[in-house]
Amino acid sequence: MTKVAILGAGGRMGRALVRCLAQFPGLALSGAVECAGHASVGSDAGTLAGIGESGIKICADAESAVREADVAVDFTFHAAVPGNAAAAAAAGTALVIGTTGLDEAETAAVARAAGRIAIVHAPNMSLGVNLLFALARRAAEALGLEYDAEIFETHHRHKKDAPSGTALKLGECVALGRGQKLAQVVVHGREGQTGERPRGQIGMHALRAGAVVGDHTVLFASEGERVELTHRAISRDTFAMGALRAAQWAVGRPAGLYDMKNVLGL
């Protein structure tokens, strides 16, 4: 039985992970972690997730939980990721990171930890979204710079980072397909007298409203037609199931930095 620690167990994704874990007979919850002072600390993780008592109390000691697990799944806050990755590396515990919004220093910390353990780091754990990444790149390559590219994403009002990690990854896929570097051609929203749209620009637009789990659209448009690739997430369980599949896959892998393409064989 593979022991799994959930980091961020009191959040929306953390509760979904605990709930979905029962659908993986080879996985067992061994630890549940939240930041010190979080209202869920001390609660039973299963009860909080709505599946009944699990016997695992949510704690604030990530190092101990990671040390006792075979794999840890991190859906916390970007600032917590370097410490969690370091703890996993020290313990020799595989790690799955679904947290988005990492800055350059935090991303570098993950890369350092991946020199010692297997880490699956992906902006989105959904099979459908990872297929969308591949389709966006292929469409951009086929259509070229003659087609304008715009990316739209919508999430719930509680999401803290914008644009989403998935939208940024989609932008990277489009840029790669067109032989560009995203940082050189992206524009985040538009306001005022912007002038004509430059050839090759990639637009990025973030919407925040209500309880939307996650919608992403890549739009390609010429003067004669429009192509739209869209993914709509209906339930967070989609991401939880993908993350737990990644957790199964990561255990026993050589040290390195992997993504969902590796897990899914795309």
C-alpha atoms as a PDB file:
ATOM      1  CA  MET A   1       0.000   0.000   0.000  1.00  0.00           C
ATOM      2  CA  THR A   2       1.380   3.404  -1.004  1.00  0.00           C
ATOM      3  CA  LYS A   3       1.184   6.005   1.771  1.00  0.00           C
ATOM      4  CA  VAL A   4       0.069   9.481   0.682  1.00  0.00           C
ATOM      5  CA  ALA A   5       0.373  12.796   2.514  1.00  0.00           C
ATOM      6  CA  ILE A   6      -1.939  15.606   1.391  1.00  0.00           C
ATOM      7  CA  LEU A   7      -0.465  19.096   1.813  1.00  0.00           C
ATOM      8  CA  GLY A   8      -3.218  21.695   1.845  1.00  0.00           C
ATOM      9  CA  ALA A   9      -5.763  19.166   3.103  1.00  0.00           C
ATOM     10  CA  GLY A  10      -8.128  21.827   4.449  1.00  0.00           C
ATOM     11  CA  GLY A  11      -8.581  23.593   1.107  1.00  0.00           C
ATOM     12  CA  ARG A  12     -10.986  22.852  -1.725  1.00  0.00           C
ATOM     13  CA  MET A  13      -8.516  20.706  -3.639  1.00  0.00           C
ATOM     14  CA  GLY A  14      -7.188  19.081  -0.481  1.00  0.00           C
ATOM     15  CA  ARG A  15     -10.671  17.939   0.505  1.00  0.00           C
ATOM     16  CA  ALA A  16     -11.267  16.638  -3.029  1.00  0.00           C
ATOM     17  CA  LEU A  17      -8.012  14.658  -2.851  1.00  0.00           C
ATOM     18  CA  VAL A  18      -8.998  13.042   0.437  1.00  0.00           C
ATOM     19  CA  ARG A  19     -12.435  12.244  -0.957  1.00  0.00           C
ATOM     20  CA  CYS A  20     -11.106  10.729  -4.203  1.00  0.00           C
ATOM     21  CA  LEU A  21      -8.345   8.713  -2.562  1.00  0.00           C
ATOM     22  CA  ALA A  22     -10.838   5.949  -1.776  1.00  0.00           C
ATOM     23  CA  GLN A  23     -11.130   5.284  -5.528  1.00  0.00           C
ATOM     24  CA  PHE A  24      -7.476   4.187  -5.621  1.00  0.00           C
ATOM     25  CA  PRO A  25      -7.211   0.812  -3.827  1.00  0.00           C
ATOM     26  CA  GLY A  26      -3.412   0.978  -3.821  1.00  0.00           C
ATOM     27  CA  LEU A  27      -3.258   4.336  -2.027  1.00  0.00           C
ATOM     28  CA  ALA A  28      -3.788   5.095   1.655  1.00  0.00           C
ATOM     29  CA  LEU A  29      -3.936   8.444   3.413  1.00  0.00           C
ATOM     30  CA  SER A  30      -1.048   8.655   5.875  1.00  0.00           C
ATOM     31  CA  GLY A  31      -0.956  12.381   6.625  1.00  0.00           C
ATOM     32  CA  ALA A  32      -2.869  15.611   6.126  1.00  0.00           C
ATOM     33  CA  VAL A  33      -1.297  19.041   6.531  1.00  0.00           C
ATOM     34  CA  GLU A  34      -2.424  22.658   6.705  1.00  0.00           C
ATOM     35  CA  CYS A  35      -0.631  25.850   7.680  1.00  0.00           C
ATOM     36  CA  ALA A  36      -0.422  26.721  11.360  1.00  0.00           C
ATOM     37  CA  GLY A  37      -3.496  28.600  12.503  1.00  0.00           C
ATOM     38  CA  HIS A  38      -5.746  27.227   9.758  1.00  0.00           C
ATOM     39  CA  ALA A  39      -9.252  26.475  11.014  1.00  0.00           C
ATOM     40  CA  SER A  40      -9.028  22.846   9.870  1.00  0.00           C
ATOM     41  CA  VAL A  41      -5.970  21.934  11.978  1.00  0.00           C
ATOM     42  CA  GLY A  42      -6.998  19.250  14.459  1.00  0.00           C
ATOM     43  CA  SER A  43      -9.992  18.136  12.377  1.00  0.00           C
ATOM     44  CA  ASP A  44     -10.309  14.632  10.982  1.00  0.00           C
ATOM     45  CA  ALA A  45      -9.366  14.820   7.284  1.00  0.00           C
ATOM     46  CA  GLY A  46     -12.059  12.376   6.201  1.00  0.00           C
ATOM     47  CA  THR A  47     -14.797  14.089   8.160  1.00  0.00           C
ATOM     48  CA  LEU A  48     -13.806  17.458   6.697  1.00  0.00           C
ATOM     49  CA  ALA A  49     -13.907  15.949   3.184  1.00  0.00           C
ATOM     50  CA  GLY A  50     -17.387  14.568   3.796  1.00  0.00           C
ATOM     51  CA  ILE A  51     -16.528  10.863   3.687  1.00  0.00           C
ATOM     52  CA  GLY A  52     -16.594  10.044   7.389  1.00  0.00           C
ATOM     53  CA  GLU A  53     -13.871   9.646   9.966  1.00  0.00           C
ATOM     54  CA  SER A  54     -10.493   8.586   8.542  1.00  0.00           C
ATOM     55  CA  GLY A  55      -8.420   8.530  11.694  1.00  0.00           C
ATOM     56  CA  ILE A  56      -6.014  11.052  10.185  1.00  0.00           C
ATOM     57  CA  LYS A  57      -5.996  14.437  11.905  1.00  0.00           C
ATOM     58  CA  ILE A  58      -4.952  17.506   9.965  1.00  0.00           C
ATOM     59  CA  CYS A  59      -1.707  18.840  11.425  1.00  0.00           C
ATOM     60  CA  ALA A  60       0.664  21.731  10.782  1.00  0.00           C
ATOM     61  CA  ASP A  61       3.842  19.612  10.680  1.00  0.00           C
ATOM     62  CA  ALA A  62       4.618  19.089   6.989  1.00  0.00           C
ATOM     63  CA  GLU A  63       8.063  17.608   7.615  1.00  0.00           C
ATOM     64  CA  SER A  64       6.739  14.750   9.761  1.00  0.00           C
ATOM     65  CA  ALA A  65       3.846  14.009   7.406  1.00  0.00           C
ATOM     66  CA  VAL A  66       6.124  13.954   4.365  1.00  0.00           C
ATOM     67  CA  ARG A  67       8.703  11.804   6.148  1.00  0.00           C
ATOM     68  CA  GLU A  68       6.075   9.143   6.935  1.00  0.00           C
ATOM     69  CA  ALA A  69       4.697   9.028   3.372  1.00  0.00           C
ATOM     70  CA  ASP A  70       5.803   7.399   0.123  1.00  0.00           C
ATOM     71  CA  VAL A  71       4.495  10.369  -1.869  1.00  0.00           C
ATOM     72  CA  ALA A  72       3.153  13.789  -0.986  1.00  0.00           C
ATOM     73  CA  VAL A  73       0.629  15.805  -3.001  1.00  0.00           C
ATOM     74  CA  ASP A  74       0.959  19.585  -2.662  1.00  0.00           C
ATOM     75  CA  PHE A  75      -1.998  21.908  -3.280  1.00  0.00           C
ATOM     76  CA  THR A  76      -0.990  24.683  -0.904  1.00  0.00           C
ATOM     77  CA  PHE A  77       0.138  28.276  -1.530  1.00  0.00           C
ATOM     78  CA  HIS A  78       3.078  29.153  -3.763  1.00  0.00           C
ATOM     79  CA  ALA A  79       5.208  30.484  -0.889  1.00  0.00           C
ATOM     80  CA  ALA A  80       4.929  27.128   0.928  1.00  0.00           C
ATOM     81  CA  VAL A  81       6.133  25.034  -2.010  1.00  0.00           C
ATOM     82  CA  PRO A  82       9.926  25.476  -1.573  1.00  0.00           C
ATOM     83  CA  GLY A  83       9.781  24.306   2.032  1.00  0.00           C
ATOM     84  CA  ASN A  84       7.563  21.363   1.147  1.00  0.00           C
ATOM     85  CA  ALA A  85       9.854  20.384  -1.722  1.00  0.00           C
ATOM     86  CA  ALA A  86      12.923  20.597   0.520  1.00  0.00           C
ATOM     87  CA  ALA A  87      11.211  18.444   3.156  1.00  0.00           C
ATOM     88  CA  ALA A  88      10.295  15.838   0.539  1.00  0.00           C
ATOM     89  CA  ALA A  89      13.847  15.824  -0.859  1.00  0.00           C
ATOM     90  CA  ALA A  90      15.320  15.370   2.631  1.00  0.00           C
ATOM     91  CA  ALA A  91      12.956  12.468   3.309  1.00  0.00           C
ATOM     92  CA  GLY A  92      13.355  10.828  -0.102  1.00  0.00           C
ATOM     93  CA  THR A  93       9.596  11.131  -0.638  1.00  0.00           C
ATOM     94  CA  ALA A  94       8.199  11.568  -4.150  1.00  0.00           C
ATOM     95  CA  LEU A  95       6.211  14.753  -4.675  1.00  0.00           C
ATOM     96  CA  VAL A  96       3.307  15.892  -6.849  1.00  0.00           C
ATOM     97  CA  ILE A  97       2.849  19.674  -7.079  1.00  0.00           C
ATOM     98  CA  GLY A  98      -0.409  21.149  -8.340  1.00  0.00           C
ATOM     99  CA  THR A  99       0.101  24.549  -6.712  1.00  0.00           C
ATOM    100  CA  THR A 100       0.270  27.392  -9.237  1.00  0.00           C
ATOM    101  CA  GLY A 101       1.601  30.948  -9.147  1.00  0.00           C
ATOM    102  CA  LEU A 102       5.225  30.039  -8.340  1.00  0.00           C
ATOM    103  CA  ASP A 103       7.791  32.782  -8.940  1.00  0.00           C
ATOM    104  CA  GLU A 104      11.268  32.188 -10.393  1.00  0.00           C
ATOM    105  CA  ALA A 105      12.908  31.524  -7.023  1.00  0.00           C
ATOM    106  CA  GLU A 106      10.182  29.070  -5.997  1.00  0.00           C
ATOM    107  CA  THR A 107      10.399  27.287  -9.339  1.00  0.00           C
ATOM    108  CA  ALA A 108      14.165  27.028  -8.931  1.00  0.00           C
ATOM    109  CA  ALA A 109      13.678  25.485  -5.468  1.00  0.00           C
ATOM    110  CA  VAL A 110      11.470  22.796  -7.014  1.00  0.00           C
ATOM    111  CA  ALA A 111      14.118  22.100  -9.664  1.00  0.00           C
ATOM    112  CA  ARG A 112      16.789  21.694  -6.963  1.00  0.00           C
ATOM    113  CA  ALA A 113      14.635  19.228  -5.046  1.00  0.00           C
ATOM    114  CA  ALA A 114      14.046  17.289  -8.276  1.00  0.00           C
ATOM    115  CA  GLY A 115      17.766  16.532  -8.291  1.00  0.00           C
ATOM    116  CA  ARG A 116      17.110  14.214  -5.344  1.00  0.00           C
ATOM    117  CA  ILE A 117      13.542  12.922  -5.789  1.00  0.00           C
ATOM    118  CA  ALA A 118      10.894  12.393  -8.459  1.00  0.00           C
ATOM    119  CA  ILE A 119       8.648  15.458  -8.721  1.00  0.00           C
ATOM    120  CA  VAL A 120       5.591  15.767 -10.950  1.00  0.00           C
ATOM    121  CA  HIS A 121       4.911  19.487 -11.378  1.00  0.00           C
ATOM    122  CA  ALA A 122       2.033  20.522 -13.611  1.00  0.00           C
ATOM    123  CA  PRO A 123      -0.234  23.576 -13.795  1.00  0.00           C
ATOM    124  CA  ASN A 124      -3.211  21.287 -14.361  1.00  0.00           C
ATOM    125  CA  MET A 125      -3.678  17.600 -13.586  1.00  0.00           C
ATOM    126  CA  SER A 126      -6.678  17.051 -15.869  1.00  0.00           C
ATOM    127  CA  LEU A 127      -6.333  14.603 -18.777  1.00  0.00           C
ATOM    128  CA  GLY A 128      -8.508  16.857 -20.927  1.00  0.00           C
ATOM    129  CA  VAL A 129      -6.427  19.949 -20.223  1.00  0.00           C
ATOM    130  CA  ASN A 130      -3.189  18.139 -20.999  1.00  0.00           C
ATOM    131  CA  LEU A 131      -4.708  17.061 -24.301  1.00  0.00           C
ATOM    132  CA  LEU A 132      -5.639  20.732 -24.855  1.00  0.00           C
ATOM    133  CA  PHE A 133      -1.979  21.703 -24.389  1.00  0.00           C
ATOM    134  CA  ALA A 134      -0.996  19.373 -27.218  1.00  0.00           C
ATOM    135  CA  LEU A 135      -3.848  20.526 -29.467  1.00  0.00           C
ATOM    136  CA  ALA A 136      -3.051  24.217 -28.870  1.00  0.00           C
ATOM    137  CA  ARG A 137       0.545  23.704 -29.929  1.00  0.00           C
ATOM    138  CA  ARG A 138      -0.406  21.739 -33.032  1.00  0.00           C
ATOM    139  CA  ALA A 139      -3.044  24.294 -34.049  1.00  0.00           C
ATOM    140  CA  ALA A 140      -0.600  27.174 -33.588  1.00  0.00           C
ATOM    141  CA  GLU A 141       1.992  25.381 -35.669  1.00  0.00           C
ATOM    142  CA  ALA A 142      -0.502  24.648 -38.454  1.00  0.00           C
ATOM    143  CA  LEU A 143      -2.177  28.087 -38.543  1.00  0.00           C
ATOM    144  CA  GLY A 144       0.931  30.194 -38.027  1.00  0.00           C
ATOM    145  CA  LEU A 145       1.210  33.922 -37.427  1.00  0.00           C
ATOM    146  CA  GLU A 146      -1.550  34.767 -39.900  1.00  0.00           C
ATOM    147  CA  TYR A 147      -4.041  33.788 -37.206  1.00  0.00           C
ATOM    148  CA  ASP A 148      -4.366  35.961 -34.107  1.00  0.00           C
ATOM    149  CA  ALA A 149      -4.187  34.010 -30.827  1.00  0.00           C
ATOM    150  CA  GLU A 150      -6.079  34.918 -27.662  1.00  0.00           C
ATOM    151  CA  ILE A 151      -6.372  32.933 -24.425  1.00  0.00           C
ATOM    152  CA  PHE A 152      -9.263  33.316 -21.986  1.00  0.00           C
ATOM    153  CA  GLU A 153      -9.560  31.730 -18.551  1.00  0.00           C
ATOM    154  CA  THR A 154     -12.287  31.926 -15.905  1.00  0.00           C
ATOM    155  CA  HIS A 155     -12.032  30.770 -12.295  1.00  0.00           C
ATOM    156  CA  HIS A 156     -13.903  31.155  -9.011  1.00  0.00           C
ATOM    157  CA  ARG A 157     -13.661  34.387  -7.059  1.00  0.00           C
ATOM    158  CA  HIS A 158     -11.344  32.835  -4.442  1.00  0.00           C
ATOM    159  CA  LYS A 159      -8.437  32.070  -6.796  1.00  0.00           C
ATOM    160  CA  LYS A 160      -5.401  34.098  -5.742  1.00  0.00           C
ATOM    161  CA  ASP A 161      -3.198  34.131  -8.869  1.00  0.00           C
ATOM    162  CA  ALA A 162      -3.904  35.433 -12.353  1.00  0.00           C
ATOM    163  CA  PRO A 163      -3.618  34.425 -15.069  1.00  0.00           C
ATOM    164  CA  SER A 164      -3.946  30.783 -14.155  1.00  0.00           C
ATOM    165  CA  GLY A 165      -1.000  28.460 -14.489  1.00  0.00           C
ATOM    166  CA  THR A 166      -2.988  26.566 -17.102  1.00  0.00           C
ATOM    167  CA  ALA A 167      -3.512  29.714 -19.194  1.00  0.00           C
ATOM    168  CA  LEU A 168       0.205  30.505 -19.038  1.00  0.00           C
ATOM    169  CA  LYS A 169       1.037  26.962 -20.120  1.00  0.00           C
ATOM    170  CA  LEU A 170      -1.405  27.285 -23.014  1.00  0.00           C
ATOM    171  CA  GLY A 171       0.347  30.514 -23.997  1.00  0.00           C
ATOM    172  CA  GLU A 172       3.684  28.718 -23.927  1.00  0.00           C
ATOM    173  CA  CYS A 173       2.263  25.940 -26.124  1.00  0.00           C
ATOM    174  CA  VAL A 174       0.946  28.447 -28.674  1.00  0.00           C
ATOM    175  CA  ALA A 175       4.231  30.370 -28.690  1.00  0.00           C
ATOM    176  CA  LEU A 176       6.229  27.167 -29.074  1.00  0.00           C
ATOM    177  CA  GLY A 177       4.081  26.062 -31.980  1.00  0.00           C
ATOM    178  CA  ARG A 178       4.746  29.405 -33.724  1.00  0.00           C
ATOM    179  CA  GLY A 179       8.447  29.555 -32.918  1.00  0.00           C
ATOM    180  CA  GLN A 180       8.075  32.390 -30.419  1.00  0.00           C
ATOM    181  CA  LYS A 181       8.935  33.089 -26.787  1.00  0.00           C
ATOM    182  CA  LEU A 182       5.791  33.852 -24.786  1.00  0.00           C
ATOM    183  CA  ALA A 183       7.378  36.596 -22.661  1.00  0.00           C
ATOM    184  CA  GLN A 184       8.214  38.563 -25.798  1.00  0.00           C
ATOM    185  CA  VAL A 185       4.736  38.515 -27.368  1.00  0.00           C
ATOM    186  CA  VAL A 186       2.176  38.213 -24.560  1.00  0.00           C
ATOM    187  CA  VAL A 187      -0.151  41.052 -23.543  1.00  0.00           C
ATOM    188  CA  HIS A 188      -2.284  40.749 -20.417  1.00  0.00           C
ATOM    189  CA  GLY A 189      -5.625  42.375 -21.143  1.00  0.00           C
ATOM    190  CA  ARG A 190      -6.019  45.660 -22.993  1.00  0.00           C
ATOM    191  CA  GLU A 191      -7.078  49.132 -21.955  1.00  0.00           C
ATOM    192  CA  GLY A 192      -7.061  52.579 -23.527  1.00  0.00           C
ATOM    193  CA  GLN A 193      -5.653  53.526 -26.911  1.00  0.00           C
ATOM    194  CA  THR A 194      -3.813  50.304 -27.699  1.00  0.00           C
ATOM    195  CA  GLY A 195      -3.537  50.799 -31.446  1.00  0.00           C
ATOM    196  CA  GLU A 196      -3.796  48.005 -33.974  1.00  0.00           C
ATOM    197  CA  ARG A 197      -3.135  44.489 -32.785  1.00  0.00           C
ATOM    198  CA  PRO A 198       0.502  43.598 -33.618  1.00  0.00           C
ATOM    199  CA  ARG A 199       1.091  40.520 -35.751  1.00  0.00           C
ATOM    200  CA  GLY A 200       2.107  37.564 -33.627  1.00  0.00           C
ATOM    201  CA  GLN A 201       0.824  38.942 -30.323  1.00  0.00           C
ATOM    202  CA  ILE A 202      -0.725  36.480 -27.843  1.00  0.00           C
ATOM    203  CA  GLY A 203      -3.510  37.952 -25.711  1.00  0.00           C
ATOM    204  CA  MET A 204      -4.113  36.674 -22.174  1.00  0.00           C
ATOM    205  CA  HIS A 205      -7.329  37.415 -20.278  1.00  0.00           C
ATOM    206  CA  ALA A 206      -8.322  36.345 -16.741  1.00  0.00           C
ATOM    207  CA  LEU A 207     -11.889  36.412 -15.399  1.00  0.00           C
ATOM    208  CA  ARG A 208     -12.889  35.758 -11.783  1.00  0.00           C
ATOM    209  CA  ALA A 209     -16.524  35.033 -10.945  1.00  0.00           C
ATOM    210  CA  GLY A 210     -18.666  32.979  -8.616  1.00  0.00           C
ATOM    211  CA  ALA A 211     -17.822  29.321  -8.182  1.00  0.00           C
ATOM    212  CA  VAL A 212     -16.395  28.520 -11.632  1.00  0.00           C
ATOM    213  CA  VAL A 213     -14.048  25.536 -11.256  1.00  0.00           C
ATOM    214  CA  GLY A 214     -11.998  26.388 -14.345  1.00  0.00           C
ATOM    215  CA  ASP A 215     -12.691  27.266 -17.988  1.00  0.00           C
ATOM    216  CA  HIS A 216      -9.957  27.772 -20.612  1.00  0.00           C
ATOM    217  CA  THR A 217     -10.278  28.745 -24.262  1.00  0.00           C
ATOM    218  CA  VAL A 218      -7.629  29.243 -26.927  1.00  0.00           C
ATOM    219  CA  LEU A 219      -8.946  31.302 -29.839  1.00  0.00           C
ATOM    220  CA  PHE A 220      -7.306  31.501 -33.267  1.00  0.00           C
ATOM    221  CA  ALA A 221      -8.814  33.993 -35.713  1.00  0.00           C
ATOM    222  CA  SER A 222      -8.076  35.226 -39.216  1.00  0.00           C
ATOM    223  CA  GLU A 223     -10.122  37.688 -41.243  1.00  0.00           C
ATOM    224  CA  GLY A 224     -12.150  34.801 -42.642  1.00  0.00           C
ATOM    225  CA  GLU A 225     -12.623  32.285 -39.820  1.00  0.00           C
ATOM    226  CA  ARG A 226     -12.255  31.513 -36.150  1.00  0.00           C
ATOM    227  CA  VAL A 227     -11.124  28.336 -34.374  1.00  0.00           C
ATOM    228  CA  GLU A 228     -11.735  27.852 -30.648  1.00  0.00           C
ATOM    229  CA  LEU A 229     -10.364  25.101 -28.403  1.00  0.00           C
ATOM    230  CA  THR A 230     -12.159  24.991 -25.051  1.00  0.00           C
ATOM    231  CA  HIS A 231     -11.956  22.949 -21.876  1.00  0.00           C
ATOM    232  CA  ARG A 232     -14.469  23.362 -19.047  1.00  0.00           C
ATOM    233  CA  ALA A 233     -13.903  21.693 -15.680  1.00  0.00           C
ATOM    234  CA  ILE A 234     -17.146  20.659 -14.011  1.00  0.00           C
ATOM    235  CA  SER A 235     -15.724  19.254 -10.765  1.00  0.00           C
ATOM    236  CA  ARG A 236     -12.483  19.556  -8.807  1.00  0.00           C
ATOM    237  CA  ASP A 237     -12.527  15.787  -8.636  1.00  0.00           C
ATOM    238  CA  THR A 238     -11.157  15.846 -12.200  1.00  0.00           C
ATOM    239  CA  PHE A 239      -7.951  17.470 -10.954  1.00  0.00           C
ATOM    240  CA  ALA A 240      -7.814  15.333  -7.811  1.00  0.00           C
ATOM    241  CA  MET A 241      -8.066  12.096  -9.778  1.00  0.00           C
ATOM    242  CA  GLY A 242      -5.272  13.227 -12.086  1.00  0.00           C
ATOM    243  CA  ALA A 243      -3.061  14.239  -9.166  1.00  0.00           C
ATOM    244  CA  LEU A 244      -3.571  10.887  -7.452  1.00  0.00           C
ATOM    245  CA  ARG A 245      -2.793   9.085 -10.696  1.00  0.00           C
ATOM    246  CA  ALA A 246       0.418  11.130 -10.812  1.00  0.00           C
ATOM    247  CA  ALA A 247       1.142  10.134  -7.200  1.00  0.00           C
ATOM    248  CA  GLN A 248       0.851   6.458  -8.098  1.00  0.00           C
ATOM    249  CA  TRP A 249       3.135   6.969 -11.087  1.00  0.00           C
ATOM    250  CA  ALA A 250       5.817   8.972  -9.237  1.00  0.00           C
ATOM    251  CA  VAL A 251       6.590   6.397  -6.540  1.00  0.00           C
ATOM    252  CA  GLY A 252       9.782   4.552  -7.394  1.00  0.00           C
ATOM    253  CA  ARG A 253      10.690   6.816 -10.331  1.00  0.00           C
ATOM    254  CA  PRO A 254      14.249   8.129 -10.687  1.00  0.00           C
ATOM    255  CA  ALA A 255      14.897  11.646  -9.435  1.00  0.00           C
ATOM    256  CA  GLY A 256      13.834  14.252 -11.938  1.00  0.00           C
ATOM    257  CA  LEU A 257      11.247  16.851 -12.847  1.00  0.00           C
ATOM    258  CA  TYR A 258       8.246  15.383 -14.654  1.00  0.00           C
ATOM    259  CA  ASP A 259       4.885  16.668 -15.843  1.00  0.00           C
ATOM    260  CA  MET A 260       1.499  15.156 -16.715  1.00  0.00           C
ATOM    261  CA  LYS A 261       2.637  14.337 -20.240  1.00  0.00           C
ATOM    262  CA  ASN A 262       5.026  11.849 -18.664  1.00  0.00           C
ATOM    263  CA  VAL A 263       2.331  10.455 -16.375  1.00  0.00           C
ATOM    264  CA  LEU A 264      -0.238  10.088 -19.151  1.00  0.00           C
ATOM    265  CA  GLY A 265       2.170   9.065 -21.885  1.00  0.00           C
ATOM    266  CA  LEU A 266       1.104  11.945 -24.155  1.00  0.00           C
END
